[in-house]
Amino acid sequence: MSMEKSFSTETSERYSRALFEVAKESNELQKIEKGLKDFQFLLNNSSEIQNFIKDPTLNINFQKNVINLITDKLNFSKNLKNFLFLLIEKRRIFFVNKISETFLKICSQERGEVKASLISSKELSTSELEKISKDLSNSMGAEIKFDYIIDKELIGGLKLQLGSFMIDTSIKSKLKKYEHAMLES
């Protein structure tokens, strides 16, 4: 695996870092963060918007008009609106999802949050999720925010991914270990 960053990753990081600095200077960090989350939600749930973002043949003025309608409807800050216009003019609007993800990671890191992934075999209650988050945060000495996924194929148990650290107590994993041990015998 190459240690070099891809062009899209490097470009996305530069744009998201620039947006972060502008948001911080203008005291609009929370508003821009919310705006990007709303835009990502729209992007992830609308094939028309996805196609619009990915289509390099669209006229710049048409793209700006559409983005103007979206930003007005979602009440984006002027800085975020201008940022999206900049992406259109530089023909980088197709990076917007990756830029948003990177921006949100920067915001999370700035708050001292650590991202984790929690996968369970059954749906956990809100109180169980809060307890797990609180216990993890206390043991790690940082606020832990995790993405929660239900995967019934685990049969039972949990999987927790925290950076490169993985805890896997799932029955599926244990069955695979037994299967592997039996095949080696």
N, C-alpha and C. Protein backbone atom coordinates (compact mmCIF):
# COMPACT_ATOMS: atom_id res chain seq x y z
N MET A 1 0.84 -1.17 0.00
CA MET A 1 0.00 0.00 0.00
C MET A 1 0.89 1.24 0.00
N SER A 2 0.56 2.19 -0.84
CA SER A 2 1.36 3.38 -0.98
C SER A 2 1.16 4.31 0.22
N MET A 3 2.24 4.91 0.67
CA MET A 3 2.17 5.84 1.79
C MET A 3 1.81 7.25 1.29
N GLU A 4 1.89 7.47 -0.01
CA GLU A 4 1.56 8.78 -0.55
C GLU A 4 0.05 8.97 -0.57
N LYS A 5 -0.35 10.21 -0.32
CA LYS A 5 -1.77 10.52 -0.35
C LYS A 5 -2.21 10.69 -1.80
N SER A 6 -3.45 10.32 -2.06
CA SER A 6 -3.97 10.51 -3.40
C SER A 6 -4.24 11.99 -3.61
N PHE A 7 -4.35 12.38 -4.86
CA PHE A 7 -4.62 13.78 -5.20
C PHE A 7 -5.92 14.24 -4.55
N SER A 8 -6.95 13.39 -4.60
CA SER A 8 -8.24 13.78 -4.05
C SER A 8 -8.18 13.94 -2.54
N THR A 9 -7.43 13.08 -1.86
CA THR A 9 -7.29 13.17 -0.41
C THR A 9 -6.54 14.44 -0.03
N GLU A 10 -5.44 14.68 -0.70
CA GLU A 10 -4.63 15.86 -0.40
C GLU A 10 -5.41 17.15 -0.70
N THR A 11 -6.09 17.18 -1.82
CA THR A 11 -6.88 18.35 -2.20
C THR A 11 -8.01 18.57 -1.20
N SER A 12 -8.69 17.51 -0.83
CA SER A 12 -9.79 17.61 0.14
C SER A 12 -9.30 18.13 1.48
N GLU A 13 -8.15 17.65 1.91
CA GLU A 13 -7.59 18.11 3.18
C GLU A 13 -7.26 19.59 3.14
N ARG A 14 -6.69 20.05 2.03
CA ARG A 14 -6.35 21.48 1.91
C ARG A 14 -7.61 22.35 1.95
N TYR A 15 -8.61 21.97 1.17
CA TYR A 15 -9.84 22.76 1.14
C TYR A 15 -10.54 22.72 2.50
N SER A 16 -10.60 21.57 3.13
CA SER A 16 -11.29 21.48 4.41
C SER A 16 -10.54 22.25 5.49
N ARG A 17 -9.22 22.22 5.46
CA ARG A 17 -8.42 22.99 6.41
C ARG A 17 -8.64 24.49 6.21
N ALA A 18 -8.70 24.92 4.95
CA ALA A 18 -8.95 26.33 4.65
C ALA A 18 -10.34 26.75 5.14
N LEU A 19 -11.33 25.91 4.89
CA LEU A 19 -12.69 26.21 5.37
C LEU A 19 -12.71 26.26 6.89
N PHE A 20 -12.01 25.35 7.52
CA PHE A 20 -11.96 25.33 8.98
C PHE A 20 -11.38 26.64 9.52
N GLU A 21 -10.30 27.10 8.92
CA GLU A 21 -9.67 28.35 9.37
C GLU A 21 -10.61 29.54 9.19
N VAL A 22 -11.31 29.59 8.05
CA VAL A 22 -12.27 30.67 7.80
C VAL A 22 -13.41 30.60 8.81
N ALA A 23 -13.90 29.40 9.07
CA ALA A 23 -15.01 29.22 10.02
C ALA A 23 -14.59 29.64 11.42
N LYS A 24 -13.37 29.30 11.80
CA LYS A 24 -12.86 29.64 13.12
C LYS A 24 -12.68 31.15 13.27
N GLU A 25 -12.10 31.78 12.25
CA GLU A 25 -11.87 33.23 12.28
C GLU A 25 -13.18 34.01 12.35
N SER A 26 -14.21 33.51 11.67
CA SER A 26 -15.48 34.22 11.62
C SER A 26 -16.46 33.79 12.72
N ASN A 27 -15.98 32.94 13.63
CA ASN A 27 -16.84 32.42 14.72
C ASN A 27 -18.09 31.71 14.20
N GLU A 28 -17.94 30.98 13.11
CA GLU A 28 -19.07 30.27 12.51
C GLU A 28 -18.83 28.77 12.45
N LEU A 29 -17.95 28.28 13.28
CA LEU A 29 -17.57 26.87 13.22
C LEU A 29 -18.78 25.96 13.36
N GLN A 30 -19.63 26.20 14.36
CA GLN A 30 -20.79 25.34 14.58
C GLN A 30 -21.80 25.46 13.43
N LYS A 31 -22.01 26.67 12.94
CA LYS A 31 -22.99 26.87 11.87
C LYS A 31 -22.52 26.20 10.57
N ILE A 32 -21.23 26.32 10.27
CA ILE A 32 -20.70 25.69 9.05
C ILE A 32 -20.68 24.18 9.21
N GLU A 33 -20.34 23.70 10.40
CA GLU A 33 -20.36 22.26 10.66
C GLU A 33 -21.77 21.70 10.46
N LYS A 34 -22.76 22.38 11.00
CA LYS A 34 -24.15 21.95 10.83
C LYS A 34 -24.55 22.00 9.35
N GLY A 35 -24.15 23.07 8.67
CA GLY A 35 -24.46 23.21 7.25
C GLY A 35 -23.88 22.07 6.42
N LEU A 36 -22.64 21.70 6.71
CA LEU A 36 -22.03 20.59 5.97
C LEU A 36 -22.69 19.26 6.29
N LYS A 37 -23.10 19.07 7.54
CA LYS A 37 -23.83 17.84 7.89
C LYS A 37 -25.15 17.79 7.14
N ASP A 38 -25.85 18.91 7.08
CA ASP A 38 -27.12 18.97 6.34
C ASP A 38 -26.89 18.70 4.86
N PHE A 39 -25.82 19.28 4.31
CA PHE A 39 -25.52 19.09 2.90
C PHE A 39 -25.16 17.63 2.62
N GLN A 40 -24.39 17.01 3.51
CA GLN A 40 -24.05 15.60 3.35
C GLN A 40 -25.30 14.73 3.40
N PHE A 41 -26.21 15.04 4.31
CA PHE A 41 -27.46 14.29 4.40
C PHE A 41 -28.22 14.39 3.08
N LEU A 42 -28.31 15.59 2.55
CA LEU A 42 -28.99 15.81 1.28
C LEU A 42 -28.30 15.03 0.16
N LEU A 43 -27.00 15.11 0.15
CA LEU A 43 -26.20 14.43 -0.87
C LEU A 43 -26.36 12.91 -0.79
N ASN A 44 -26.35 12.38 0.43
CA ASN A 44 -26.45 10.93 0.61
C ASN A 44 -27.85 10.39 0.34
N ASN A 45 -28.86 11.24 0.39
CA ASN A 45 -30.24 10.78 0.24
C ASN A 45 -30.91 11.23 -1.05
N SER A 46 -30.17 11.83 -1.95
CA SER A 46 -30.77 12.30 -3.20
C SER A 46 -29.87 11.94 -4.38
N SER A 47 -30.34 11.03 -5.20
CA SER A 47 -29.54 10.65 -6.38
C SER A 47 -29.42 11.82 -7.36
N GLU A 48 -30.43 12.70 -7.38
CA GLU A 48 -30.36 13.87 -8.27
C GLU A 48 -29.21 14.80 -7.86
N ILE A 49 -29.08 15.03 -6.55
CA ILE A 49 -28.00 15.89 -6.06
C ILE A 49 -26.65 15.21 -6.30
N GLN A 50 -26.58 13.91 -6.08
CA GLN A 50 -25.33 13.18 -6.33
C GLN A 50 -24.92 13.33 -7.80
N ASN A 51 -25.87 13.13 -8.70
CA ASN A 51 -25.58 13.26 -10.13
C ASN A 51 -25.17 14.69 -10.49
N PHE A 52 -25.84 15.65 -9.88
CA PHE A 52 -25.52 17.06 -10.10
C PHE A 52 -24.08 17.36 -9.68
N ILE A 53 -23.69 16.87 -8.53
CA ILE A 53 -22.34 17.11 -8.00
C ILE A 53 -21.28 16.43 -8.87
N LYS A 54 -21.57 15.24 -9.35
CA LYS A 54 -20.59 14.45 -10.09
C LYS A 54 -20.48 14.82 -11.57
N ASP A 55 -21.44 15.59 -12.10
CA ASP A 55 -21.48 15.88 -13.53
C ASP A 55 -20.55 17.04 -13.89
N PRO A 56 -19.41 16.76 -14.52
CA PRO A 56 -18.46 17.82 -14.86
C PRO A 56 -18.87 18.66 -16.07
N THR A 57 -19.90 18.24 -16.76
CA THR A 57 -20.31 18.95 -17.97
C THR A 57 -21.28 20.09 -17.72
N LEU A 58 -21.75 20.23 -16.50
CA LEU A 58 -22.72 21.27 -16.20
C LEU A 58 -22.07 22.65 -16.23
N ASN A 59 -22.82 23.60 -16.69
CA ASN A 59 -22.41 24.99 -16.77
C ASN A 59 -22.19 25.55 -15.35
N ILE A 60 -21.15 26.33 -15.18
CA ILE A 60 -20.83 26.89 -13.87
C ILE A 60 -21.97 27.75 -13.34
N ASN A 61 -22.57 28.57 -14.17
CA ASN A 61 -23.67 29.43 -13.72
C ASN A 61 -24.88 28.59 -13.28
N PHE A 62 -25.15 27.51 -13.99
CA PHE A 62 -26.24 26.63 -13.60
C PHE A 62 -25.95 26.01 -12.23
N GLN A 63 -24.71 25.53 -12.05
CA GLN A 63 -24.32 24.93 -10.77
C GLN A 63 -24.46 25.95 -9.64
N LYS A 64 -24.02 27.17 -9.87
CA LYS A 64 -24.12 28.21 -8.84
C LYS A 64 -25.57 28.50 -8.50
N ASN A 65 -26.44 28.52 -9.52
CA ASN A 65 -27.87 28.77 -9.26
C ASN A 65 -28.48 27.67 -8.39
N VAL A 66 -28.14 26.44 -8.69
CA VAL A 66 -28.66 25.31 -7.90
C VAL A 66 -28.12 25.38 -6.47
N ILE A 67 -26.82 25.60 -6.32
CA ILE A 67 -26.22 25.69 -4.99
C ILE A 67 -26.81 26.88 -4.23
N ASN A 68 -27.06 27.97 -4.93
CA ASN A 68 -27.67 29.15 -4.30
C ASN A 68 -29.04 28.81 -3.73
N LEU A 69 -29.84 28.06 -4.49
CA LEU A 69 -31.16 27.64 -3.99
C LEU A 69 -31.03 26.74 -2.76
N ILE A 70 -30.12 25.80 -2.82
CA ILE A 70 -29.92 24.86 -1.70
C ILE A 70 -29.44 25.62 -0.47
N THR A 71 -28.45 26.48 -0.63
CA THR A 71 -27.89 27.18 0.52
C THR A 71 -28.90 28.14 1.15
N ASP A 72 -29.72 28.76 0.31
CA ASP A 72 -30.76 29.64 0.86
C ASP A 72 -31.81 28.84 1.61
N LYS A 73 -32.22 27.72 1.03
CA LYS A 73 -33.25 26.87 1.66
C LYS A 73 -32.77 26.29 2.99
N LEU A 74 -31.49 25.90 3.05
CA LEU A 74 -30.93 25.30 4.27
C LEU A 74 -30.30 26.34 5.20
N ASN A 75 -30.39 27.61 4.82
CA ASN A 75 -29.91 28.71 5.67
C ASN A 75 -28.43 28.58 6.01
N PHE A 76 -27.59 28.33 4.99
CA PHE A 76 -26.15 28.22 5.18
C PHE A 76 -25.57 29.60 5.45
N SER A 77 -24.43 29.62 6.11
CA SER A 77 -23.73 30.89 6.33
C SER A 77 -23.18 31.38 4.99
N LYS A 78 -22.91 32.68 4.95
CA LYS A 78 -22.38 33.27 3.72
C LYS A 78 -21.02 32.65 3.38
N ASN A 79 -20.20 32.37 4.40
CA ASN A 79 -18.89 31.77 4.16
C ASN A 79 -19.00 30.38 3.54
N LEU A 80 -19.94 29.58 4.01
CA LEU A 80 -20.11 28.25 3.44
C LEU A 80 -20.63 28.34 2.01
N LYS A 81 -21.56 29.24 1.79
CA LYS A 81 -22.10 29.46 0.44
C LYS A 81 -20.97 29.88 -0.51
N ASN A 82 -20.15 30.83 -0.09
CA ASN A 82 -19.03 31.28 -0.92
C ASN A 82 -18.01 30.17 -1.14
N PHE A 83 -17.82 29.34 -0.13
CA PHE A 83 -16.91 28.21 -0.26
C PHE A 83 -17.41 27.24 -1.34
N LEU A 84 -18.70 26.94 -1.32
CA LEU A 84 -19.27 26.05 -2.34
C LEU A 84 -19.16 26.67 -3.73
N PHE A 85 -19.35 27.99 -3.82
CA PHE A 85 -19.17 28.69 -5.10
C PHE A 85 -17.72 28.57 -5.58
N LEU A 86 -16.77 28.68 -4.64
CA LEU A 86 -15.36 28.54 -4.98
C LEU A 86 -15.08 27.14 -5.54
N LEU A 87 -15.66 26.12 -4.90
CA LEU A 87 -15.49 24.75 -5.40
C LEU A 87 -16.03 24.60 -6.81
N ILE A 88 -17.15 25.27 -7.07
CA ILE A 88 -17.73 25.22 -8.42
C ILE A 88 -16.80 25.90 -9.41
N GLU A 89 -16.32 27.10 -9.08
CA GLU A 89 -15.45 27.84 -10.00
C GLU A 89 -14.15 27.12 -10.27
N LYS A 90 -13.61 26.44 -9.25
CA LYS A 90 -12.35 25.70 -9.42
C LYS A 90 -12.59 24.30 -9.97
N ARG A 91 -13.85 24.00 -10.26
CA ARG A 91 -14.25 22.68 -10.77
C ARG A 91 -13.84 21.56 -9.82
N ARG A 92 -14.08 21.81 -8.52
CA ARG A 92 -13.77 20.84 -7.48
C ARG A 92 -15.02 20.45 -6.69
N ILE A 93 -16.20 20.80 -7.17
CA ILE A 93 -17.43 20.53 -6.41
C ILE A 93 -17.63 19.03 -6.19
N PHE A 94 -17.09 18.20 -7.07
CA PHE A 94 -17.24 16.76 -6.90
C PHE A 94 -16.47 16.23 -5.70
N PHE A 95 -15.56 17.06 -5.12
CA PHE A 95 -14.84 16.71 -3.89
C PHE A 95 -15.63 17.05 -2.64
N VAL A 96 -16.81 17.67 -2.77
CA VAL A 96 -17.50 18.25 -1.62
C VAL A 96 -17.78 17.23 -0.51
N ASN A 97 -18.10 16.01 -0.84
CA ASN A 97 -18.38 15.02 0.19
C ASN A 97 -17.11 14.68 0.98
N LYS A 98 -16.02 14.48 0.26
CA LYS A 98 -14.75 14.17 0.92
C LYS A 98 -14.25 15.36 1.74
N ILE A 99 -14.44 16.57 1.22
CA ILE A 99 -14.06 17.78 1.95
C ILE A 99 -14.89 17.88 3.22
N SER A 100 -16.19 17.62 3.11
CA SER A 100 -17.08 17.68 4.28
C SER A 100 -16.65 16.68 5.34
N GLU A 101 -16.37 15.45 4.94
CA GLU A 101 -15.95 14.43 5.89
C GLU A 101 -14.66 14.84 6.60
N THR A 102 -13.72 15.37 5.85
CA THR A 102 -12.45 15.80 6.44
C THR A 102 -12.66 16.98 7.38
N PHE A 103 -13.50 17.93 6.96
CA PHE A 103 -13.82 19.09 7.80
C PHE A 103 -14.44 18.65 9.12
N LEU A 104 -15.39 17.72 9.06
CA LEU A 104 -16.05 17.24 10.27
C LEU A 104 -15.07 16.50 11.19
N LYS A 105 -14.11 15.78 10.60
CA LYS A 105 -13.07 15.11 11.40
C LYS A 105 -12.20 16.14 12.10
N ILE A 106 -11.85 17.21 11.39
CA ILE A 106 -11.02 18.27 11.98
C ILE A 106 -11.76 18.90 13.15
N CYS A 107 -13.04 19.19 12.97
CA CYS A 107 -13.85 19.78 14.05
C CYS A 107 -13.89 18.85 15.26
N SER A 108 -14.08 17.57 15.00
CA SER A 108 -14.14 16.58 16.07
C SER A 108 -12.81 16.51 16.82
N GLN A 109 -11.71 16.49 16.08
CA GLN A 109 -10.38 16.45 16.70
C GLN A 109 -10.13 17.71 17.51
N GLU A 110 -10.57 18.84 17.00
CA GLU A 110 -10.38 20.12 17.69
C GLU A 110 -11.09 20.11 19.04
N ARG A 111 -12.22 19.42 19.12
CA ARG A 111 -12.96 19.31 20.38
C ARG A 111 -12.39 18.22 21.29
N GLY A 112 -11.38 17.49 20.81
CA GLY A 112 -10.77 16.44 21.61
C GLY A 112 -11.54 15.13 21.56
N GLU A 113 -12.43 15.00 20.61
CA GLU A 113 -13.22 13.76 20.49
C GLU A 113 -12.40 12.69 19.77
N VAL A 114 -12.65 11.46 20.15
CA VAL A 114 -12.03 10.32 19.49
C VAL A 114 -13.16 9.55 18.82
N LYS A 115 -12.97 9.21 17.56
CA LYS A 115 -13.99 8.48 16.82
C LYS A 115 -13.79 6.98 16.99
N ALA A 116 -14.90 6.30 17.12
CA ALA A 116 -14.88 4.84 17.25
C ALA A 116 -16.08 4.28 16.49
N SER A 117 -16.05 2.99 16.30
CA SER A 117 -17.14 2.29 15.64
C SER A 117 -17.61 1.16 16.56
N LEU A 118 -18.90 1.11 16.82
CA LEU A 118 -19.48 0.07 17.68
C LEU A 118 -20.48 -0.71 16.85
N ILE A 119 -20.28 -2.02 16.79
CA ILE A 119 -21.18 -2.90 16.05
C ILE A 119 -21.72 -3.92 17.04
N SER A 120 -23.03 -4.06 17.08
CA SER A 120 -23.63 -5.04 17.99
C SER A 120 -24.56 -5.95 17.23
N SER A 121 -24.82 -7.10 17.83
CA SER A 121 -25.69 -8.09 17.18
C SER A 121 -27.16 -7.77 17.38
N LYS A 122 -27.46 -6.97 18.38
CA LYS A 122 -28.85 -6.57 18.64
C LYS A 122 -28.88 -5.07 18.92
N GLU A 123 -30.06 -4.50 18.83
CA GLU A 123 -30.19 -3.07 19.08
C GLU A 123 -30.00 -2.77 20.56
N LEU A 124 -29.12 -1.81 20.84
CA LEU A 124 -28.86 -1.39 22.21
C LEU A 124 -29.72 -0.18 22.53
N SER A 125 -30.13 -0.07 23.79
CA SER A 125 -30.95 1.06 24.21
C SER A 125 -30.07 2.32 24.28
N THR A 126 -30.72 3.46 24.32
CA THR A 126 -30.01 4.73 24.43
C THR A 126 -29.17 4.77 25.70
N SER A 127 -29.72 4.26 26.81
CA SER A 127 -28.97 4.26 28.07
C SER A 127 -27.75 3.35 27.99
N GLU A 128 -27.87 2.20 27.30
CA GLU A 128 -26.72 1.31 27.14
C GLU A 128 -25.63 1.99 26.30
N LEU A 129 -26.05 2.66 25.23
CA LEU A 129 -25.09 3.36 24.37
C LEU A 129 -24.39 4.48 25.14
N GLU A 130 -25.16 5.23 25.94
CA GLU A 130 -24.58 6.31 26.74
C GLU A 130 -23.59 5.75 27.76
N LYS A 131 -23.94 4.63 28.38
CA LYS A 131 -23.05 4.01 29.37
C LYS A 131 -21.74 3.55 28.71
N ILE A 132 -21.85 2.93 27.56
CA ILE A 132 -20.65 2.48 26.84
C ILE A 132 -19.79 3.69 26.49
N SER A 133 -20.41 4.73 25.97
CA SER A 133 -19.68 5.95 25.60
C SER A 133 -19.01 6.58 26.81
N LYS A 134 -19.73 6.65 27.92
CA LYS A 134 -19.19 7.25 29.14
C LYS A 134 -18.02 6.42 29.68
N ASP A 135 -18.19 5.09 29.72
CA ASP A 135 -17.12 4.21 30.22
C ASP A 135 -15.87 4.30 29.34
N LEU A 136 -16.07 4.31 28.02
CA LEU A 136 -14.94 4.42 27.09
C LEU A 136 -14.25 5.77 27.26
N SER A 137 -15.04 6.83 27.36
CA SER A 137 -14.48 8.17 27.52
C SER A 137 -13.65 8.27 28.79
N ASN A 138 -14.17 7.70 29.87
CA ASN A 138 -13.42 7.73 31.14
C ASN A 138 -12.12 6.94 31.04
N SER A 139 -12.17 5.76 30.43
CA SER A 139 -10.96 4.94 30.36
C SER A 139 -9.93 5.49 29.37
N MET A 140 -10.39 6.21 28.34
CA MET A 140 -9.47 6.76 27.34
C MET A 140 -9.00 8.16 27.70
N GLY A 141 -9.70 8.82 28.60
CA GLY A 141 -9.33 10.19 28.97
C GLY A 141 -9.67 11.21 27.90
N ALA A 142 -10.59 10.85 27.01
CA ALA A 142 -11.05 11.75 25.94
C ALA A 142 -12.49 11.39 25.63
N GLU A 143 -13.21 12.36 25.08
CA GLU A 143 -14.60 12.08 24.73
C GLU A 143 -14.64 11.16 23.52
N ILE A 144 -15.36 10.05 23.65
CA ILE A 144 -15.48 9.07 22.57
C ILE A 144 -16.83 9.25 21.89
N LYS A 145 -16.79 9.45 20.59
CA LYS A 145 -18.00 9.50 19.77
C LYS A 145 -17.92 8.31 18.83
N PHE A 146 -18.96 7.48 18.83
CA PHE A 146 -18.89 6.33 17.95
C PHE A 146 -20.08 6.24 17.01
N ASP A 147 -19.78 5.62 15.87
CA ASP A 147 -20.82 5.28 14.91
C ASP A 147 -21.36 3.94 15.36
N TYR A 148 -22.66 3.85 15.45
CA TYR A 148 -23.30 2.64 15.96
C TYR A 148 -23.99 1.91 14.81
N ILE A 149 -23.69 0.62 14.68
CA ILE A 149 -24.25 -0.21 13.61
C ILE A 149 -24.76 -1.51 14.23
N ILE A 150 -25.90 -1.98 13.73
CA ILE A 150 -26.42 -3.28 14.16
C ILE A 150 -26.12 -4.27 13.04
N ASP A 151 -25.49 -5.39 13.39
CA ASP A 151 -25.16 -6.43 12.43
C ASP A 151 -25.60 -7.77 13.02
N LYS A 152 -26.75 -8.25 12.58
CA LYS A 152 -27.32 -9.50 13.12
C LYS A 152 -26.46 -10.72 12.79
N GLU A 153 -25.57 -10.61 11.80
CA GLU A 153 -24.69 -11.73 11.45
C GLU A 153 -23.66 -12.02 12.53
N LEU A 154 -23.48 -11.11 13.49
CA LEU A 154 -22.55 -11.35 14.58
C LEU A 154 -23.06 -12.44 15.52
N ILE A 155 -24.35 -12.75 15.43
CA ILE A 155 -25.05 -13.74 16.24
C ILE A 155 -25.22 -13.25 17.68
N GLY A 156 -24.18 -12.78 18.29
CA GLY A 156 -24.21 -12.24 19.64
C GLY A 156 -22.92 -11.48 19.90
N GLY A 157 -22.93 -10.59 20.87
CA GLY A 157 -21.72 -9.87 21.23
C GLY A 157 -21.57 -8.52 20.55
N LEU A 158 -20.35 -7.96 20.69
CA LEU A 158 -20.04 -6.63 20.19
C LEU A 158 -18.70 -6.61 19.48
N LYS A 159 -18.53 -5.60 18.64
CA LYS A 159 -17.23 -5.29 18.05
C LYS A 159 -17.02 -3.80 18.29
N LEU A 160 -15.85 -3.43 18.77
CA LEU A 160 -15.52 -2.03 18.99
C LEU A 160 -14.21 -1.74 18.29
N GLN A 161 -14.24 -0.77 17.40
CA GLN A 161 -13.04 -0.35 16.67
C GLN A 161 -12.70 1.06 17.12
N LEU A 162 -11.52 1.23 17.68
CA LEU A 162 -11.06 2.53 18.15
C LEU A 162 -9.69 2.76 17.53
N GLY A 163 -9.66 3.49 16.41
CA GLY A 163 -8.42 3.64 15.65
C GLY A 163 -7.99 2.28 15.13
N SER A 164 -6.77 1.86 15.43
CA SER A 164 -6.30 0.54 14.99
C SER A 164 -6.56 -0.53 16.04
N PHE A 165 -7.15 -0.15 17.15
CA PHE A 165 -7.45 -1.07 18.25
C PHE A 165 -8.83 -1.67 18.05
N MET A 166 -8.93 -3.02 18.11
CA MET A 166 -10.21 -3.70 17.88
C MET A 166 -10.50 -4.66 19.02
N ILE A 167 -11.70 -4.58 19.55
CA ILE A 167 -12.18 -5.55 20.54
C ILE A 167 -13.33 -6.28 19.86
N ASP A 168 -13.23 -7.58 19.76
CA ASP A 168 -14.25 -8.37 19.09
C ASP A 168 -14.72 -9.48 20.03
N THR A 169 -15.90 -9.31 20.60
CA THR A 169 -16.47 -10.33 21.49
C THR A 169 -17.63 -11.05 20.82
N SER A 170 -17.72 -10.95 19.51
CA SER A 170 -18.86 -11.54 18.81
C SER A 170 -18.75 -13.06 18.73
N ILE A 171 -19.89 -13.71 18.74
CA ILE A 171 -19.95 -15.17 18.62
C ILE A 171 -19.46 -15.59 17.24
N LYS A 172 -19.77 -14.80 16.22
CA LYS A 172 -19.33 -15.10 14.86
C LYS A 172 -17.81 -15.21 14.81
N SER A 173 -17.12 -14.28 15.47
CA SER A 173 -15.66 -14.29 15.50
C SER A 173 -15.13 -15.53 16.23
N LYS A 174 -15.77 -15.88 17.33
CA LYS A 174 -15.34 -17.05 18.10
C LYS A 174 -15.55 -18.33 17.30
N LEU A 175 -16.67 -18.42 16.57
CA LEU A 175 -16.93 -19.59 15.73
C LEU A 175 -15.88 -19.70 14.62
N LYS A 176 -15.46 -18.56 14.05
CA LYS A 176 -14.43 -18.59 13.02
C LYS A 176 -13.10 -19.08 13.58
N LYS A 177 -12.78 -18.68 14.82
CA LYS A 177 -11.55 -19.14 15.46
C LYS A 177 -11.58 -20.65 15.66
N TYR A 178 -12.74 -21.18 16.11
CA TYR A 178 -12.88 -22.63 16.29
C TYR A 178 -12.77 -23.36 14.95
N GLU A 179 -13.40 -22.80 13.93
CA GLU A 179 -13.35 -23.39 12.60
C GLU A 179 -11.90 -23.45 12.12
N HIS A 180 -11.18 -22.35 12.29
CA HIS A 180 -9.78 -22.28 11.85
C HIS A 180 -8.93 -23.30 12.63
N ALA A 181 -9.16 -23.40 13.93
CA ALA A 181 -8.41 -24.36 14.76
C ALA A 181 -8.69 -25.79 14.34
N MET A 182 -9.93 -26.10 13.99
CA MET A 182 -10.29 -27.46 13.56
C MET A 182 -9.67 -27.77 12.21
N LEU A 183 -9.60 -26.79 11.32
CA LEU A 183 -9.01 -27.01 10.01
C LEU A 183 -7.51 -27.24 10.09
N GLU A 184 -6.86 -26.64 11.09
CA GLU A 184 -5.41 -26.82 11.27
C GLU A 184 -5.07 -28.18 11.88
N SER A 185 -6.02 -28.79 12.57
CA SER A 185 -5.77 -30.07 13.23
C SER A 185 -5.62 -31.19 12.25
